[in-house]
């Protein structure tokens, strides 16, 4: 088992990507916010490993303890009979609350090549600086540069947009650090891919792999709330042949509530490159949004995370809605401080609120 410890570096290479067409490695890449992996929170790593064996290379967010990544690696080796490797970043964060990122990969398919680094963030734009590394497909030698990201949640969407806009700088920096290597930025962005904040990254040639469905577990069994997790890549540089959201509670035969308490409140996502086939026994592809964002939002039962989808509703007002239950009509939301008639009508006009 290979262990690699990353260190923050100030890599700067003057080079740009010059590709004649999309490259096709053959591997499945996953990304998963594992909800405080390493805390004493009832996490069942055997369940995590049962799902994680479906991909060859993982970017992991919300890692709180590097030992937990090692334990997950051992679980994967026990379940698959194969060798796995991992590396974990140092802790990042502006306050006493800090997280790490990790990469985890199947040795028979993938190897780490170079450049493991936490972004130096010269403008201090990120609360949790992204973690980058380059990996190689062992079969054909094709390399892929990865950046794992966990965008700050904040009090409202406006708190998330500066970091998302700054990802365009990460994208450009990756072309200098990993010249001639296709790039992927992945993680939990706490913002849907259709938000205007993504425009600077789109202008750099990146696009989201997943455009429909949802990746966060609601408290209602079988339902999902937001499309916060994603991959951003350049389709002219990388031959992405498939992608999806893994509805893992269904695969494990457990409820959403049990999944949220023992695995994660986020579903993992994946993409395939070239001829690779994902090893998940079932998954929701990006073209299927059933049980997700298409469901109406119930003021009297939806979670705070689900309520935050509505305009003018951040975490604080979502909690105000929960505290003010039961609601008789959408118009009653004007009882909440900061929601006047105009903002109430904007919420009503979305058509997303369930009839009461």
Protein backbone atom coordinates (compact mmCIF):
# COMPACT_ATOMS: atom_id res chain seq x y z
CA UNK A 1 0.00 0.00 0.00
CA UNK A 2 1.37 3.37 -0.99
CA UNK A 3 1.03 6.26 1.43
CA UNK A 4 1.57 9.78 0.12
CA UNK A 5 1.44 12.86 2.30
CA UNK A 6 0.85 16.16 0.54
CA UNK A 7 2.41 19.50 1.35
CA UNK A 8 1.33 22.95 0.21
CA UNK A 9 3.64 24.14 -2.52
CA UNK A 10 3.89 27.19 -4.74
CA UNK A 11 4.21 25.44 -8.09
CA UNK A 12 4.21 27.79 -11.06
CA UNK A 13 4.98 26.49 -14.53
CA UNK A 14 4.60 28.57 -17.67
CA UNK A 15 2.77 26.23 -19.99
CA UNK A 16 -0.67 25.76 -21.51
CA UNK A 17 -2.63 22.74 -22.60
CA UNK A 18 -2.35 21.98 -26.31
CA UNK A 19 -4.45 18.94 -27.13
CA UNK A 20 -5.51 17.86 -30.59
CA UNK A 21 -8.58 15.97 -29.37
CA UNK A 22 -10.16 14.36 -26.33
CA UNK A 23 -8.05 11.68 -24.68
CA UNK A 24 -9.55 8.38 -23.60
CA UNK A 25 -8.24 6.65 -20.54
CA UNK A 26 -10.31 3.79 -19.14
CA UNK A 27 -11.27 4.49 -15.55
CA UNK A 28 -14.21 5.44 -13.40
CA UNK A 29 -13.69 8.53 -11.25
CA UNK A 30 -15.86 9.29 -8.23
CA UNK A 31 -16.34 12.20 -5.87
CA UNK A 32 -17.99 12.02 -2.46
CA UNK A 33 -18.58 14.36 0.44
CA UNK A 34 -18.36 11.86 3.29
CA UNK A 35 -19.86 14.10 5.98
CA UNK A 36 -17.18 14.45 8.64
CA UNK A 37 -15.28 11.28 7.88
CA UNK A 38 -13.20 10.49 10.96
CA UNK A 39 -15.43 11.97 13.63
CA UNK A 40 -17.08 9.71 16.19
CA UNK A 41 -20.41 10.00 14.39
CA UNK A 42 -21.52 6.41 13.78
CA UNK A 43 -19.97 6.18 10.31
CA UNK A 44 -20.03 2.60 9.02
CA UNK A 45 -16.95 2.31 6.84
CA UNK A 46 -17.95 -1.12 5.57
CA UNK A 47 -21.00 0.50 3.95
CA UNK A 48 -18.88 3.32 2.53
CA UNK A 49 -16.44 0.80 1.08
CA UNK A 50 -19.25 -1.28 -0.42
CA UNK A 51 -20.18 1.74 -2.55
CA UNK A 52 -16.66 3.10 -3.09
CA UNK A 53 -15.46 -0.09 -4.78
CA UNK A 54 -17.60 0.92 -7.76
CA UNK A 55 -15.01 3.48 -8.95
CA UNK A 56 -11.23 3.37 -9.53
CA UNK A 57 -10.28 6.84 -8.28
CA UNK A 58 -12.04 8.93 -5.62
CA UNK A 59 -11.83 12.53 -4.53
CA UNK A 60 -13.15 12.76 -0.95
CA UNK A 61 -14.38 15.88 0.84
CA UNK A 62 -15.07 16.57 4.53
CA UNK A 63 -12.25 14.38 5.78
CA UNK A 64 -11.69 15.11 9.47
CA UNK A 65 -9.06 12.49 10.26
CA UNK A 66 -6.48 10.91 7.95
CA UNK A 67 -6.61 7.66 9.93
CA UNK A 68 -10.21 7.22 8.79
CA UNK A 69 -9.05 7.31 5.16
CA UNK A 70 -6.53 4.58 5.93
CA UNK A 71 -9.26 2.53 7.60
CA UNK A 72 -11.49 2.99 4.55
CA UNK A 73 -8.60 1.87 2.35
CA UNK A 74 -8.27 -1.30 4.43
CA UNK A 75 -12.02 -1.94 4.18
CA UNK A 76 -11.80 -1.69 0.40
CA UNK A 77 -8.89 -4.12 0.31
CA UNK A 78 -10.80 -6.62 2.44
CA UNK A 79 -13.93 -6.38 0.32
CA UNK A 80 -12.30 -6.37 -3.12
CA UNK A 81 -9.17 -8.49 -2.55
CA UNK A 82 -7.21 -5.76 -4.35
CA UNK A 83 -4.60 -3.23 -3.28
CA UNK A 84 -5.72 0.39 -2.80
CA UNK A 85 -3.74 3.53 -2.02
CA UNK A 86 -4.61 6.93 -0.58
CA UNK A 87 -3.26 10.33 0.29
CA UNK A 88 -4.71 13.07 2.45
CA UNK A 89 -4.09 16.80 2.45
CA UNK A 90 -3.21 18.80 5.52
CA UNK A 91 -6.13 20.50 7.28
CA UNK A 92 -7.50 23.62 5.61
CA UNK A 93 -9.88 26.26 6.93
CA UNK A 94 -9.86 29.80 8.26
CA UNK A 95 -11.40 29.10 11.65
CA UNK A 96 -11.05 26.48 14.35
CA UNK A 97 -13.23 24.24 12.15
CA UNK A 98 -10.96 22.65 9.55
CA UNK A 99 -11.21 19.81 7.06
CA UNK A 100 -8.93 17.82 4.78
CA UNK A 101 -9.35 16.33 1.32
CA UNK A 102 -8.25 12.88 0.24
CA UNK A 103 -7.68 10.82 -2.89
CA UNK A 104 -8.24 7.08 -2.89
CA UNK A 105 -7.48 4.77 -5.81
CA UNK A 106 -7.37 1.16 -7.01
CA UNK A 107 -3.71 0.23 -7.60
CA UNK A 108 -4.40 -2.11 -10.51
CA UNK A 109 -5.96 0.71 -12.55
CA UNK A 110 -4.59 4.04 -11.30
CA UNK A 111 -1.32 5.43 -9.99
CA UNK A 112 -0.41 8.81 -8.53
CA UNK A 113 2.16 10.61 -10.67
CA UNK A 114 2.98 14.07 -9.31
CA UNK A 115 1.92 17.47 -8.09
CA UNK A 116 -0.03 16.78 -4.90
CA UNK A 117 -0.54 20.28 -3.52
CA UNK A 118 -2.99 22.45 -1.65
CA UNK A 119 -3.67 25.57 -3.69
CA UNK A 120 -1.72 28.51 -2.29
CA UNK A 121 -4.70 30.88 -2.75
CA UNK A 122 -2.76 34.16 -3.07
CA UNK A 123 -5.93 36.26 -2.79
CA UNK A 124 -7.31 34.27 0.19
CA UNK A 125 -10.49 33.59 -1.77
CA UNK A 126 -11.17 30.09 -0.41
CA UNK A 127 -12.21 29.17 3.12
CA UNK A 128 -10.94 25.64 2.33
CA UNK A 129 -8.27 25.72 -0.36
CA UNK A 130 -8.63 23.03 -3.05
CA UNK A 131 -6.36 19.97 -3.14
CA UNK A 132 -4.79 19.00 -6.46
CA UNK A 133 -2.93 16.00 -7.84
CA UNK A 134 -2.21 14.19 -11.10
CA UNK A 135 -3.01 10.52 -11.71
CA UNK A 136 -2.26 8.07 -14.53
CA UNK A 137 -4.29 5.28 -16.07
CA UNK A 138 -1.92 2.31 -15.85
CA UNK A 139 -3.35 0.64 -18.94
CA UNK A 140 -2.68 3.39 -21.50
CA UNK A 141 -0.56 5.89 -19.58
CA UNK A 142 -3.04 8.75 -19.90
CA UNK A 143 -2.85 11.30 -17.09
CA UNK A 144 -5.67 13.31 -15.51
CA UNK A 145 -5.24 16.32 -13.21
CA UNK A 146 -7.73 16.54 -10.36
CA UNK A 147 -8.78 19.36 -8.04
CA UNK A 148 -10.95 18.46 -5.04
CA UNK A 149 -13.09 21.33 -3.76
CA UNK A 150 -15.53 21.96 -0.92
CA UNK A 151 -17.14 25.38 -1.37
CA UNK A 152 -18.16 27.20 1.80
CA UNK A 153 -21.90 27.01 2.56
CA UNK A 154 -22.30 30.33 4.39
CA UNK A 155 -25.56 32.03 5.22
CA UNK A 156 -26.88 32.29 1.64
CA UNK A 157 -26.00 31.57 -1.98
CA UNK A 158 -24.25 34.94 -2.21
CA UNK A 159 -21.64 33.64 0.25
CA UNK A 160 -20.83 30.75 -2.09
CA UNK A 161 -20.55 32.61 -5.39
CA UNK A 162 -17.13 34.28 -4.85
CA UNK A 163 -15.41 30.92 -4.38
CA UNK A 164 -17.22 29.38 -7.34
CA UNK A 165 -16.21 32.29 -9.57
CA UNK A 166 -12.61 31.94 -8.38
CA UNK A 167 -12.53 28.35 -9.68
CA UNK A 168 -11.69 29.86 -13.07
CA UNK A 169 -8.33 30.83 -11.58
CA UNK A 170 -7.83 27.27 -10.32
CA UNK A 171 -8.61 25.99 -13.80
CA UNK A 172 -5.96 28.24 -15.34
CA UNK A 173 -3.42 27.41 -12.63
CA UNK A 174 -3.91 23.71 -13.28
CA UNK A 175 -2.92 24.20 -16.92
CA UNK A 176 0.40 25.62 -15.70
CA UNK A 177 1.07 23.01 -13.01
CA UNK A 178 -0.06 20.02 -15.12
CA UNK A 179 0.71 21.06 -18.73
CA UNK A 180 -0.83 18.94 -21.50
CA UNK A 181 -2.97 17.06 -18.94
CA UNK A 182 -6.79 17.07 -19.06
CA UNK A 183 -8.26 18.77 -15.99
CA UNK A 184 -11.18 17.94 -13.70
CA UNK A 185 -12.47 20.10 -10.85
CA UNK A 186 -14.76 18.08 -8.62
CA UNK A 187 -16.39 18.16 -5.21
CA UNK A 188 -19.22 19.66 -3.21
CA UNK A 189 -19.87 23.12 -4.62
CA UNK A 190 -23.00 23.97 -2.60
CA UNK A 191 -24.36 25.54 -5.77
CA UNK A 192 -26.22 24.09 -8.74
CA UNK A 193 -24.45 24.04 -12.13
CA UNK A 194 -26.93 26.46 -13.73
CA UNK A 195 -26.05 29.34 -11.37
CA UNK A 196 -24.60 32.45 -13.03
CA UNK A 197 -21.51 32.25 -10.77
CA UNK A 198 -20.16 29.47 -13.00
CA UNK A 199 -19.84 31.74 -16.05
CA UNK A 200 -16.10 32.54 -15.57
CA UNK A 201 -15.30 28.81 -15.50
CA UNK A 202 -17.51 28.17 -18.53
CA UNK A 203 -15.65 30.90 -20.39
CA UNK A 204 -12.45 28.94 -19.75
CA UNK A 205 -13.94 25.97 -21.62
CA UNK A 206 -15.17 23.86 -18.69
CA UNK A 207 -18.61 22.28 -18.46
CA UNK A 208 -20.49 20.28 -15.82
CA UNK A 209 -20.74 16.52 -16.23
CA UNK A 210 -24.10 16.29 -14.43
CA UNK A 211 -26.89 18.71 -15.30
CA UNK A 212 -30.02 17.14 -13.81
CA UNK A 213 -30.99 15.14 -10.78
CA UNK A 214 -29.85 15.84 -7.22
CA UNK A 215 -27.04 14.60 -5.01
CA UNK A 216 -27.98 15.51 -1.42
CA UNK A 217 -30.23 13.20 0.58
CA UNK A 218 -33.47 14.68 1.84
CA UNK A 219 -34.96 13.42 5.08
CA UNK A 220 -37.76 11.77 3.08
CA UNK A 221 -36.92 8.26 2.00
CA UNK A 222 -36.00 7.98 -1.66
CA UNK A 223 -35.92 11.73 -2.29
CA UNK A 224 -32.97 14.00 -3.06
CA UNK A 225 -32.69 17.75 -2.78
CA UNK A 226 -29.84 19.69 -4.45
CA UNK A 227 -27.43 19.12 -7.30
CA UNK A 228 -24.42 20.41 -5.36
CA UNK A 229 -21.85 17.74 -6.28
CA UNK A 230 -20.35 17.68 -9.76
CA UNK A 231 -17.39 17.38 -12.10
CA UNK A 232 -16.23 20.23 -14.34
CA UNK A 233 -14.09 19.29 -17.33
CA UNK A 234 -13.25 20.23 -20.94
CA UNK A 235 -15.03 17.89 -23.36
CA UNK A 236 -12.49 18.68 -26.10
CA UNK A 237 -9.70 17.39 -23.87
CA UNK A 238 -11.26 14.40 -22.10
CA UNK A 239 -13.42 11.59 -23.47
CA UNK A 240 -16.10 11.39 -20.77
CA UNK A 241 -18.44 8.59 -21.81
CA UNK A 242 -20.84 8.45 -18.86
CA UNK A 243 -21.74 9.96 -15.52
CA UNK A 244 -24.28 9.61 -12.77
CA UNK A 245 -25.43 10.02 -9.18
CA UNK A 246 -25.28 6.86 -7.07
CA UNK A 247 -28.40 6.55 -4.95
CA UNK A 248 -26.54 4.51 -2.40
CA UNK A 249 -29.33 3.95 0.19
CA UNK A 250 -31.20 1.97 -2.46
CA UNK A 251 -28.11 -0.12 -3.18
CA UNK A 252 -27.50 -0.81 0.51
CA UNK A 253 -31.15 -1.49 1.26
CA UNK A 254 -31.40 1.26 3.86
CA UNK A 255 -33.53 4.38 4.31
CA UNK A 256 -32.38 7.92 3.64
CA UNK A 257 -32.43 8.58 7.37
CA UNK A 258 -30.17 5.62 8.09
CA UNK A 259 -27.89 6.62 5.23
CA UNK A 260 -27.56 10.15 6.54
CA UNK A 261 -26.65 8.90 10.01
CA UNK A 262 -24.26 6.05 9.08
CA UNK A 263 -22.83 6.96 5.65
CA UNK A 264 -23.33 10.53 4.39
CA UNK A 265 -25.92 13.17 3.61
CA UNK A 266 -24.45 13.36 0.09
CA UNK A 267 -24.72 10.73 -2.61
CA UNK A 268 -21.50 9.97 -4.48
CA UNK A 269 -21.17 10.97 -8.11
CA UNK A 270 -19.08 9.41 -10.86
CA UNK A 271 -17.94 9.77 -14.44
CA UNK A 272 -16.42 7.23 -16.79
CA UNK A 273 -13.60 7.83 -19.23
CA UNK A 274 -13.17 5.81 -22.41
CA UNK A 275 -14.42 2.23 -22.16
CA UNK A 276 -14.59 2.11 -18.36
CA UNK A 277 -17.73 0.69 -16.75
CA UNK A 278 -18.81 1.78 -13.25
CA UNK A 279 -18.98 -0.99 -10.69
CA UNK A 280 -22.16 0.20 -9.00
CA UNK A 281 -24.97 -2.31 -9.32
CA UNK A 282 -27.46 0.51 -9.85
CA UNK A 283 -27.29 4.27 -10.23
CA UNK A 284 -29.25 7.26 -11.44
CA UNK A 285 -27.77 8.79 -14.58
CA UNK A 286 -27.68 12.52 -15.12
CA UNK A 287 -30.67 12.27 -17.42
CA UNK A 288 -32.98 10.93 -14.72
CA UNK A 289 -34.17 13.36 -12.07
CA UNK A 290 -36.84 11.15 -10.55
CA UNK A 291 -37.17 11.51 -6.82
CA UNK A 292 -35.00 14.61 -6.79
CA UNK A 293 -35.25 18.30 -7.55
CA UNK A 294 -38.50 17.85 -9.48
CA UNK A 295 -40.40 17.20 -6.23
CA UNK A 296 -42.27 20.14 -4.73
CA UNK A 297 -41.03 21.74 -1.52
CA UNK A 298 -43.35 21.28 1.45
CA UNK A 299 -43.18 24.18 3.91
CA UNK A 300 -44.41 21.87 6.66
CA UNK A 301 -42.08 18.88 6.18
CA UNK A 302 -39.08 19.71 3.98
CA UNK A 303 -35.61 19.91 5.50
CA UNK A 304 -33.71 23.19 5.90
CA UNK A 305 -31.45 22.14 3.04
CA UNK A 306 -34.44 21.59 0.75
CA UNK A 307 -36.07 24.90 1.75
CA UNK A 308 -32.85 26.71 0.84
CA UNK A 309 -33.60 25.98 -2.83
CA UNK A 310 -36.25 28.72 -2.73
CA UNK A 311 -35.26 32.32 -3.60
CA UNK A 312 -34.60 34.65 -0.66
CA UNK A 313 -34.31 31.66 1.72
CA UNK A 314 -30.90 31.00 3.28
CA UNK A 315 -30.14 28.69 6.21
CA UNK A 316 -31.43 31.20 8.80
CA UNK A 317 -34.79 31.74 7.11
CA UNK A 318 -35.09 28.02 6.39
CA UNK A 319 -34.84 27.46 10.13
CA UNK A 320 -37.42 30.22 10.68
CA UNK A 321 -39.79 28.32 8.38
CA UNK A 322 -39.23 25.11 10.35
CA UNK A 323 -39.74 26.93 13.65
CA UNK A 324 -42.95 28.58 12.38
CA UNK A 325 -44.74 25.37 11.37
CA UNK A 326 -47.50 24.65 10.58
CA UNK A 327 -48.03 27.01 7.62
CA UNK A 328 -51.45 27.53 6.07
CA UNK A 329 -50.30 29.21 2.84
CA UNK A 330 -47.23 30.61 1.10
CA UNK A 331 -48.50 34.12 1.75
CA UNK A 332 -48.01 33.52 5.48
CA UNK A 333 -44.24 33.60 4.93
CA UNK A 334 -44.44 37.38 5.28
CA UNK A 335 -44.46 36.69 9.04
CA UNK A 336 -40.73 35.94 8.72
CA UNK A 337 -38.42 38.89 9.20
CA UNK A 338 -37.03 40.01 5.85
CA UNK A 339 -39.71 38.40 3.69
CA UNK A 340 -42.09 41.09 2.50
CA UNK A 341 -44.90 40.76 -0.04
CA UNK A 342 -42.52 41.11 -3.02
CA UNK A 343 -40.18 38.38 -1.82
CA UNK A 344 -43.12 36.17 -0.91
CA UNK A 345 -44.53 36.52 -4.44
CA UNK A 346 -41.13 35.65 -5.89
CA UNK A 347 -41.12 32.44 -3.84
CA UNK A 348 -44.69 31.69 -4.89
CA UNK A 349 -43.98 32.36 -8.57
CA UNK A 350 -41.33 29.62 -8.75
CA UNK A 351 -44.07 26.99 -8.60
CA UNK A 352 -41.78 24.83 -6.45
CA UNK A 353 -43.80 25.05 -3.23
CA UNK A 354 -46.30 22.26 -2.64
CA UNK A 355 -49.93 23.24 -2.39
CA UNK A 356 -51.10 23.53 1.20
